[in-house]
């Protein structure tokens, strides 16, 4: 059973981790509203694969980790694109 604290920890870890930071950075590289969430979602899918599935730790990556990471990546990409649109004068 997943508790609320586990869920909040997973969401906070994704926001402060690779999907959130790199999602915003990749979203800021483009001005296209469709490409930004695709790039953020790709980072959200790849980050649990790269950072979460170590054989030495024997810790399984759950579907909740994948889904939260993907949603955070998509939203971070959109936020990065919005920052680019609002801040760019060129």
PDB file of N, CA and C in Angstrom:
ATOM      1  N   UNK A   1       0.838  -1.181   0.000  1.00  0.00           N
ATOM      2  CA  UNK A   1       0.000   0.000   0.000  1.00  0.00           C
ATOM      3  C   UNK A   1       0.880   1.240   0.000  1.00  0.00           C
ATOM      4  N   UNK A   2       0.566   2.152  -0.865  1.00  0.00           N
ATOM      5  CA  UNK A   2       1.330   3.381  -1.001  1.00  0.00           C
ATOM      6  C   UNK A   2       0.726   4.463  -0.115  1.00  0.00           C
ATOM      7  N   UNK A   3       1.559   5.053   0.714  1.00  0.00           N
ATOM      8  CA  UNK A   3       1.054   6.100   1.591  1.00  0.00           C
ATOM      9  C   UNK A   3       1.187   7.461   0.908  1.00  0.00           C
ATOM     10  N   UNK A   4       0.571   8.445   1.489  1.00  0.00           N
ATOM     11  CA  UNK A   4       0.614   9.792   0.936  1.00  0.00           C
ATOM     12  C   UNK A   4       2.021  10.363   1.005  1.00  0.00           C
ATOM     13  N   UNK A   5       2.756  10.025   2.052  1.00  0.00           N
ATOM     14  CA  UNK A   5       4.128  10.508   2.171  1.00  0.00           C
ATOM     15  C   UNK A   5       5.033   9.930   1.087  1.00  0.00           C
ATOM     16  N   UNK A   6       4.827   8.661   0.721  1.00  0.00           N
ATOM     17  CA  UNK A   6       5.590   8.060  -0.364  1.00  0.00           C
ATOM     18  C   UNK A   6       5.290   8.758  -1.688  1.00  0.00           C
ATOM     19  N   UNK A   7       4.022   9.052  -1.924  1.00  0.00           N
ATOM     20  CA  UNK A   7       3.630   9.730  -3.150  1.00  0.00           C
ATOM     21  C   UNK A   7       4.223  11.132  -3.216  1.00  0.00           C
ATOM     22  N   UNK A   8       4.135  11.872  -2.123  1.00  0.00           N
ATOM     23  CA  UNK A   8       4.704  13.228  -2.102  1.00  0.00           C
ATOM     24  C   UNK A   8       6.226  13.201  -2.249  1.00  0.00           C
ATOM     25  N   UNK A   9       6.862  12.206  -1.664  1.00  0.00           N
ATOM     26  CA  UNK A   9       8.305  12.072  -1.817  1.00  0.00           C
ATOM     27  C   UNK A   9       8.703  11.754  -3.243  1.00  0.00           C
ATOM     28  N   UNK A  10       7.917  10.933  -3.913  1.00  0.00           N
ATOM     29  CA  UNK A  10       8.190  10.602  -5.317  1.00  0.00           C
ATOM     30  C   UNK A  10       8.009  11.820  -6.208  1.00  0.00           C
ATOM     31  N   UNK A  11       6.949  12.579  -5.967  1.00  0.00           N
ATOM     32  CA  UNK A  11       6.701  13.788  -6.772  1.00  0.00           C
ATOM     33  C   UNK A  11       7.787  14.828  -6.515  1.00  0.00           C
ATOM     34  N   UNK A  12       8.119  15.053  -5.256  1.00  0.00           N
ATOM     35  CA  UNK A  12       9.161  16.034  -4.934  1.00  0.00           C
ATOM     36  C   UNK A  12      10.527  15.631  -5.462  1.00  0.00           C
ATOM     37  N   UNK A  13      10.831  14.339  -5.397  1.00  0.00           N
ATOM     38  CA  UNK A  13      12.098  13.861  -5.944  1.00  0.00           C
ATOM     39  C   UNK A  13      12.176  14.016  -7.441  1.00  0.00           C
ATOM     40  N   UNK A  14      11.060  13.847  -8.121  1.00  0.00           N
ATOM     41  CA  UNK A  14      11.058  14.023  -9.577  1.00  0.00           C
ATOM     42  C   UNK A  14      11.174  15.488  -9.968  1.00  0.00           C
ATOM     43  N   UNK A  15      10.548  16.357  -9.189  1.00  0.00           N
ATOM     44  CA  UNK A  15      10.620  17.788  -9.509  1.00  0.00           C
ATOM     45  C   UNK A  15      12.036  18.307  -9.307  1.00  0.00           C
ATOM     46  N   UNK A  16      12.661  17.911  -8.196  1.00  0.00           N
ATOM     47  CA  UNK A  16      14.006  18.383  -7.905  1.00  0.00           C
ATOM     48  C   UNK A  16      15.089  17.561  -8.592  1.00  0.00           C
ATOM     49  N   UNK A  17      14.714  16.447  -9.181  1.00  0.00           N
ATOM     50  CA  UNK A  17      15.683  15.565  -9.813  1.00  0.00           C
ATOM     51  C   UNK A  17      15.813  15.832 -11.303  1.00  0.00           C
ATOM     52  N   UNK A  18      16.246  14.811 -12.005  1.00  0.00           N
ATOM     53  CA  UNK A  18      16.533  14.923 -13.434  1.00  0.00           C
ATOM     54  C   UNK A  18      15.320  15.284 -14.290  1.00  0.00           C
ATOM     55  N   UNK A  19      14.128  14.715 -14.078  1.00  0.00           N
ATOM     56  CA  UNK A  19      13.005  15.098 -14.946  1.00  0.00           C
ATOM     57  C   UNK A  19      12.617  16.567 -14.823  1.00  0.00           C
ATOM     58  N   UNK A  20      12.677  17.116 -13.628  1.00  0.00           N
ATOM     59  CA  UNK A  20      12.283  18.513 -13.447  1.00  0.00           C
ATOM     60  C   UNK A  20      13.309  19.491 -13.988  1.00  0.00           C
ATOM     61  N   UNK A  21      14.564  19.307 -13.605  1.00  0.00           N
ATOM     62  CA  UNK A  21      15.607  20.247 -14.000  1.00  0.00           C
ATOM     63  C   UNK A  21      15.905  20.155 -15.488  1.00  0.00           C
ATOM     64  N   UNK A  22      16.125  18.946 -15.976  1.00  0.00           N
ATOM     65  CA  UNK A  22      16.461  18.787 -17.391  1.00  0.00           C
ATOM     66  C   UNK A  22      15.241  19.023 -18.275  1.00  0.00           C
ATOM     67  N   UNK A  23      14.047  18.747 -17.753  1.00  0.00           N
ATOM     68  CA  UNK A  23      12.834  19.042 -18.513  1.00  0.00           C
ATOM     69  C   UNK A  23      12.657  20.527 -18.751  1.00  0.00           C
ATOM     70  N   UNK A  24      12.923  21.335 -17.738  1.00  0.00           N
ATOM     71  CA  UNK A  24      12.849  22.793 -17.909  1.00  0.00           C
ATOM     72  C   UNK A  24      13.934  23.263 -18.876  1.00  0.00           C
ATOM     73  N   UNK A  25      15.129  22.721 -18.743  1.00  0.00           N
ATOM     74  CA  UNK A  25      16.226  23.129 -19.624  1.00  0.00           C
ATOM     75  C   UNK A  25      15.935  22.772 -21.078  1.00  0.00           C
ATOM     76  N   UNK A  26      15.427  21.576 -21.316  1.00  0.00           N
ATOM     77  CA  UNK A  26      15.108  21.196 -22.695  1.00  0.00           C
ATOM     78  C   UNK A  26      13.886  21.942 -23.209  1.00  0.00           C
ATOM     79  N   UNK A  27      12.959  22.270 -22.333  1.00  0.00           N
ATOM     80  CA  UNK A  27      11.817  23.077 -22.754  1.00  0.00           C
ATOM     81  C   UNK A  27      12.225  24.484 -23.135  1.00  0.00           C
ATOM     82  N   UNK A  28      13.273  25.000 -22.493  1.00  0.00           N
ATOM     83  CA  UNK A  28      13.745  26.343 -22.818  1.00  0.00           C
ATOM     84  C   UNK A  28      14.543  26.379 -24.114  1.00  0.00           C
ATOM     85  N   UNK A  29      14.943  25.231 -24.627  1.00  0.00           N
ATOM     86  CA  UNK A  29      15.696  25.226 -25.880  1.00  0.00           C
ATOM     87  C   UNK A  29      14.802  25.399 -27.096  1.00  0.00           C
ATOM     88  N   UNK A  30      13.517  25.215 -26.942  1.00  0.00           N
ATOM     89  CA  UNK A  30      12.612  25.312 -28.077  1.00  0.00           C
ATOM     90  C   UNK A  30      11.488  26.301 -27.783  1.00  0.00           C
ATOM     91  N   UNK A  31      10.926  26.833 -28.830  1.00  0.00           N
ATOM     92  CA  UNK A  31       9.763  27.704 -28.693  1.00  0.00           C
ATOM     93  C   UNK A  31       8.491  27.019 -29.156  1.00  0.00           C
ATOM     94  N   UNK A  32       8.628  25.758 -29.555  1.00  0.00           N
ATOM     95  CA  UNK A  32       7.484  24.999 -30.042  1.00  0.00           C
ATOM     96  C   UNK A  32       6.775  24.339 -28.868  1.00  0.00           C
ATOM     97  N   UNK A  33       5.471  24.563 -28.758  1.00  0.00           N
ATOM     98  CA  UNK A  33       4.703  24.063 -27.628  1.00  0.00           C
ATOM     99  C   UNK A  33       4.500  22.553 -27.682  1.00  0.00           C
ATOM    100  N   UNK A  34       4.704  21.933 -28.826  1.00  0.00           N
ATOM    101  CA  UNK A  34       4.525  20.487 -28.942  1.00  0.00           C
ATOM    102  C   UNK A  34       5.837  19.756 -28.704  1.00  0.00           C
ATOM    103  N   UNK A  35       6.943  20.319 -29.150  1.00  0.00           N
ATOM    104  CA  UNK A  35       8.244  19.671 -28.988  1.00  0.00           C
ATOM    105  C   UNK A  35       8.691  19.692 -27.529  1.00  0.00           C
ATOM    106  N   UNK A  36       8.386  20.747 -26.808  1.00  0.00           N
ATOM    107  CA  UNK A  36       8.830  20.882 -25.414  1.00  0.00           C
ATOM    108  C   UNK A  36       8.297  19.774 -24.506  1.00  0.00           C
ATOM    109  N   UNK A  37       6.993  19.463 -24.508  1.00  0.00           N
ATOM    110  CA  UNK A  37       6.564  18.356 -23.643  1.00  0.00           C
ATOM    111  C   UNK A  37       7.043  16.988 -24.126  1.00  0.00           C
ATOM    112  N   UNK A  38       7.287  16.845 -25.430  1.00  0.00           N
ATOM    113  CA  UNK A  38       7.825  15.578 -25.929  1.00  0.00           C
ATOM    114  C   UNK A  38       9.236  15.368 -25.396  1.00  0.00           C
ATOM    115  N   UNK A  39      10.054  16.414 -25.423  1.00  0.00           N
ATOM    116  CA  UNK A  39      11.410  16.305 -24.878  1.00  0.00           C
ATOM    117  C   UNK A  39      11.374  16.072 -23.366  1.00  0.00           C
ATOM    118  N   UNK A  40      10.515  16.785 -22.668  1.00  0.00           N
ATOM    119  CA  UNK A  40      10.383  16.589 -21.223  1.00  0.00           C
ATOM    120  C   UNK A  40       9.877  15.206 -20.867  1.00  0.00           C
ATOM    121  N   UNK A  41       8.929  14.700 -21.633  1.00  0.00           N
ATOM    122  CA  UNK A  41       8.414  13.359 -21.401  1.00  0.00           C
ATOM    123  C   UNK A  41       9.452  12.287 -21.689  1.00  0.00           C
ATOM    124  N   UNK A  42      10.285  12.517 -22.697  1.00  0.00           N
ATOM    125  CA  UNK A  42      11.354  11.560 -22.994  1.00  0.00           C
ATOM    126  C   UNK A  42      12.353  11.493 -21.841  1.00  0.00           C
ATOM    127  N   UNK A  43      12.680  12.641 -21.281  1.00  0.00           N
ATOM    128  CA  UNK A  43      13.563  12.647 -20.113  1.00  0.00           C
ATOM    129  C   UNK A  43      12.876  11.985 -18.928  1.00  0.00           C
ATOM    130  N   UNK A  44      11.584  12.203 -18.787  1.00  0.00           N
ATOM    131  CA  UNK A  44      10.835  11.574 -17.707  1.00  0.00           C
ATOM    132  C   UNK A  44      10.799  10.059 -17.814  1.00  0.00           C
ATOM    133  N   UNK A  45      10.780   9.536 -19.025  1.00  0.00           N
ATOM    134  CA  UNK A  45      10.784   8.087 -19.212  1.00  0.00           C
ATOM    135  C   UNK A  45      12.186   7.525 -19.020  1.00  0.00           C
ATOM    136  N   UNK A  46      13.198   8.243 -19.499  1.00  0.00           N
ATOM    137  CA  UNK A  46      14.570   7.731 -19.440  1.00  0.00           C
ATOM    138  C   UNK A  46      15.203   7.828 -18.054  1.00  0.00           C
ATOM    139  N   UNK A  47      14.801   8.790 -17.253  1.00  0.00           N
ATOM    140  CA  UNK A  47      15.474   8.970 -15.964  1.00  0.00           C
ATOM    141  C   UNK A  47      15.281   7.804 -14.988  1.00  0.00           C
ATOM    142  N   UNK A  48      14.096   7.180 -14.871  1.00  0.00           N
ATOM    143  CA  UNK A  48      14.040   5.991 -14.002  1.00  0.00           C
ATOM    144  C   UNK A  48      14.846   4.821 -14.554  1.00  0.00           C
ATOM    145  N   UNK A  49      14.942   4.748 -15.875  1.00  0.00           N
ATOM    146  CA  UNK A  49      15.745   3.676 -16.464  1.00  0.00           C
ATOM    147  C   UNK A  49      17.223   3.865 -16.174  1.00  0.00           C
ATOM    148  N   UNK A  50      17.690   5.111 -16.293  1.00  0.00           N
ATOM    149  CA  UNK A  50      19.114   5.384 -16.104  1.00  0.00           C
ATOM    150  C   UNK A  50      19.484   5.382 -14.629  1.00  0.00           C
ATOM    151  N   UNK A  51      18.706   6.075 -13.819  1.00  0.00           N
ATOM    152  CA  UNK A  51      19.079   6.264 -12.422  1.00  0.00           C
ATOM    153  C   UNK A  51      18.419   5.289 -11.451  1.00  0.00           C
ATOM    154  N   UNK A  52      17.332   4.666 -11.831  1.00  0.00           N
ATOM    155  CA  UNK A  52      16.587   3.875 -10.867  1.00  0.00           C
ATOM    156  C   UNK A  52      16.846   2.391 -10.896  1.00  0.00           C
ATOM    157  N   UNK A  53      17.210   1.843 -12.011  1.00  0.00           N
ATOM    158  CA  UNK A  53      17.319   0.401 -12.114  1.00  0.00           C
ATOM    159  C   UNK A  53      18.733  -0.112 -11.988  1.00  0.00           C
ATOM    160  N   UNK A  54      19.350   0.026 -10.815  1.00  0.00           N
ATOM    161  CA  UNK A  54      20.688  -0.515 -10.594  1.00  0.00           C
ATOM    162  C   UNK A  54      20.572  -1.960 -10.137  1.00  0.00           C
ATOM    163  N   UNK A  55      21.416  -2.804 -10.671  1.00  0.00           N
ATOM    164  CA  UNK A  55      21.371  -4.215 -10.282  1.00  0.00           C
ATOM    165  C   UNK A  55      21.943  -4.433  -8.887  1.00  0.00           C
ATOM    166  N   UNK A  56      22.863  -3.570  -8.474  1.00  0.00           N
ATOM    167  CA  UNK A  56      23.467  -3.759  -7.155  1.00  0.00           C
ATOM    168  C   UNK A  56      22.501  -3.397  -6.027  1.00  0.00           C
ATOM    169  N   UNK A  57      21.573  -2.499  -6.294  1.00  0.00           N
ATOM    170  CA  UNK A  57      20.644  -2.070  -5.254  1.00  0.00           C
ATOM    171  C   UNK A  57      19.446  -3.015  -5.124  1.00  0.00           C
ATOM    172  N   UNK A  58      19.108  -3.729  -6.209  1.00  0.00           N
ATOM    173  CA  UNK A  58      17.965  -4.643  -6.207  1.00  0.00           C
ATOM    174  C   UNK A  58      16.670  -3.942  -5.828  1.00  0.00           C
ATOM    175  N   UNK A  59      16.521  -2.693  -6.248  1.00  0.00           N
ATOM    176  CA  UNK A  59      15.305  -1.934  -5.965  1.00  0.00           C
ATOM    177  C   UNK A  59      14.496  -1.846  -7.259  1.00  0.00           C
ATOM    178  N   UNK A  60      13.288  -2.376  -7.281  1.00  0.00           N
ATOM    179  CA  UNK A  60      12.503  -2.324  -8.520  1.00  0.00           C
ATOM    180  C   UNK A  60      11.945  -0.921  -8.766  1.00  0.00           C
ATOM    181  N   UNK A  61      11.846  -0.568 -10.028  1.00  0.00           N
ATOM    182  CA  UNK A  61      11.243   0.702 -10.418  1.00  0.00           C
ATOM    183  C   UNK A  61       9.771   0.428 -10.707  1.00  0.00           C
ATOM    184  N   UNK A  62       8.898   1.064  -9.967  1.00  0.00           N
ATOM    185  CA  UNK A  62       7.464   0.800 -10.100  1.00  0.00           C
ATOM    186  C   UNK A  62       6.860   1.649 -11.214  1.00  0.00           C
ATOM    187  N   UNK A  63       5.645   1.302 -11.573  1.00  0.00           N
ATOM    188  CA  UNK A  63       4.952   2.085 -12.595  1.00  0.00           C
ATOM    189  C   UNK A  63       4.613   3.478 -12.069  1.00  0.00           C
ATOM    190  N   UNK A  64       4.468   3.615 -10.760  1.00  0.00           N
ATOM    191  CA  UNK A  64       4.225   4.936 -10.188  1.00  0.00           C
ATOM    192  C   UNK A  64       5.422   5.850 -10.433  1.00  0.00           C
ATOM    193  N   UNK A  65       6.627   5.323 -10.301  1.00  0.00           N
ATOM    194  CA  UNK A  65       7.820   6.125 -10.566  1.00  0.00           C
ATOM    195  C   UNK A  65       7.867   6.566 -12.017  1.00  0.00           C
ATOM    196  N   UNK A  66       7.556   5.652 -12.923  1.00  0.00           N
ATOM    197  CA  UNK A  66       7.539   6.004 -14.343  1.00  0.00           C
ATOM    198  C   UNK A  66       6.483   7.056 -14.652  1.00  0.00           C
ATOM    199  N   UNK A  67       5.284   6.871 -14.118  1.00  0.00           N
ATOM    200  CA  UNK A  67       4.208   7.799 -14.447  1.00  0.00           C
ATOM    201  C   UNK A  67       4.442   9.181 -13.841  1.00  0.00           C
ATOM    202  N   UNK A  68       4.878   9.232 -12.591  1.00  0.00           N
ATOM    203  CA  UNK A  68       5.144  10.536 -11.956  1.00  0.00           C
ATOM    204  C   UNK A  68       6.297  11.230 -12.670  1.00  0.00           C
ATOM    205  N   UNK A  69       7.332  10.492 -12.999  1.00  0.00           N
ATOM    206  CA  UNK A  69       8.488  11.080 -13.676  1.00  0.00           C
ATOM    207  C   UNK A  69       8.114  11.601 -15.062  1.00  0.00           C
ATOM    208  N   UNK A  70       7.279  10.863 -15.769  1.00  0.00           N
ATOM    209  CA  UNK A  70       6.857  11.298 -17.103  1.00  0.00           C
ATOM    210  C   UNK A  70       5.971  12.538 -17.024  1.00  0.00           C
ATOM    211  N   UNK A  71       5.033  12.563 -16.088  1.00  0.00           N
ATOM    212  CA  UNK A  71       4.152  13.729 -15.938  1.00  0.00           C
ATOM    213  C   UNK A  71       4.944  14.961 -15.519  1.00  0.00           C
ATOM    214  N   UNK A  72       5.880  14.784 -14.591  1.00  0.00           N
ATOM    215  CA  UNK A  72       6.721  15.915 -14.169  1.00  0.00           C
ATOM    216  C   UNK A  72       7.584  16.397 -15.327  1.00  0.00           C
ATOM    217  N   UNK A  73       8.122  15.478 -16.128  1.00  0.00           N
ATOM    218  CA  UNK A  73       8.925  15.871 -17.289  1.00  0.00           C
ATOM    219  C   UNK A  73       8.124  16.652 -18.308  1.00  0.00           C
ATOM    220  N   UNK A  74       6.900  16.211 -18.569  1.00  0.00           N
ATOM    221  CA  UNK A  74       6.038  16.920 -19.524  1.00  0.00           C
ATOM    222  C   UNK A  74       5.707  18.321 -19.014  1.00  0.00           C
ATOM    223  N   UNK A  75       5.322  18.416 -17.753  1.00  0.00           N
ATOM    224  CA  UNK A  75       4.996  19.730 -17.193  1.00  0.00           C
ATOM    225  C   UNK A  75       6.222  20.642 -17.118  1.00  0.00           C
ATOM    226  N   UNK A  76       7.373  20.064 -16.806  1.00  0.00           N
ATOM    227  CA  UNK A  76       8.597  20.873 -16.759  1.00  0.00           C
ATOM    228  C   UNK A  76       8.974  21.372 -18.144  1.00  0.00           C
ATOM    229  N   UNK A  77       8.773  20.548 -19.165  1.00  0.00           N
ATOM    230  CA  UNK A  77       9.023  21.002 -20.529  1.00  0.00           C
ATOM    231  C   UNK A  77       8.113  22.147 -20.920  1.00  0.00           C
ATOM    232  N   UNK A  78       6.851  22.063 -20.526  1.00  0.00           N
ATOM    233  CA  UNK A  78       5.918  23.154 -20.818  1.00  0.00           C
ATOM    234  C   UNK A  78       6.282  24.430 -20.059  1.00  0.00           C
ATOM    235  N   UNK A  79       6.724  24.277 -18.817  1.00  0.00           N
ATOM    236  CA  UNK A  79       7.139  25.456 -18.042  1.00  0.00           C
ATOM    237  C   UNK A  79       8.371  26.090 -18.680  1.00  0.00           C
ATOM    238  N   UNK A  80       9.313  25.276 -19.122  1.00  0.00           N
ATOM    239  CA  UNK A  80      10.500  25.808 -19.794  1.00  0.00           C
ATOM    240  C   UNK A  80      10.156  26.539 -21.077  1.00  0.00           C
ATOM    241  N   UNK A  81       9.205  25.995 -21.837  1.00  0.00           N
ATOM    242  CA  UNK A  81       8.780  26.661 -23.071  1.00  0.00           C
ATOM    243  C   UNK A  81       8.062  27.972 -22.752  1.00  0.00           C
ATOM    244  N   UNK A  82       7.271  27.987 -21.676  1.00  0.00           N
ATOM    245  CA  UNK A  82       6.598  29.228 -21.283  1.00  0.00           C
ATOM    246  C   UNK A  82       7.601  30.278 -20.833  1.00  0.00           C
ATOM    247  N   UNK A  83       8.652  29.845 -20.137  1.00  0.00           N
ATOM    248  CA  UNK A  83       9.706  30.787 -19.747  1.00  0.00           C
ATOM    249  C   UNK A  83      10.372  31.361 -20.985  1.00  0.00           C
ATOM    250  N   UNK A  84      10.621  30.520 -21.956  1.00  0.00           N
ATOM    251  CA  UNK A  84      11.263  30.974 -23.197  1.00  0.00           C
ATOM    252  C   UNK A  84      10.361  31.954 -23.944  1.00  0.00           C
ATOM    253  N   UNK A  85       9.076  31.658 -24.015  1.00  0.00           N
ATOM    254  CA  UNK A  85       8.154  32.563 -24.704  1.00  0.00           C
ATOM    255  C   UNK A  85       8.016  33.899 -23.987  1.00  0.00           C
ATOM    256  N   UNK A  86       7.930  33.860 -22.684  1.00  0.00           N
ATOM    257  CA  UNK A  86       7.714  35.097 -21.921  1.00  0.00           C
ATOM    258  C   UNK A  86       8.985  35.937 -21.837  1.00  0.00           C
ATOM    259  N   UNK A  87      10.132  35.269 -21.726  1.00  0.00           N
ATOM    260  CA  UNK A  87      11.370  36.007 -21.515  1.00  0.00           C
ATOM    261  C   UNK A  87      12.119  36.371 -22.770  1.00  0.00           C
ATOM    262  N   UNK A  88      11.873  35.684 -23.849  1.00  0.00           N
ATOM    263  CA  UNK A  88      12.644  35.924 -25.071  1.00  0.00           C
ATOM    264  C   UNK A  88      12.102  37.151 -25.808  1.00  0.00           C
ATOM    265  N   UNK A  89      12.993  38.031 -26.147  1.00  0.00           N
ATOM    266  CA  UNK A  89      12.607  39.212 -26.913  1.00  0.00           C
ATOM    267  C   UNK A  89      13.041  39.100 -28.374  1.00  0.00           C
ATOM    268  N   UNK A  90      13.768  38.034 -28.694  1.00  0.00           N
ATOM    269  CA  UNK A  90      14.290  37.882 -30.056  1.00  0.00           C
ATOM    270  C   UNK A  90      13.400  36.970 -30.839  1.00  0.00           C
TER     271      UNK A  90
END
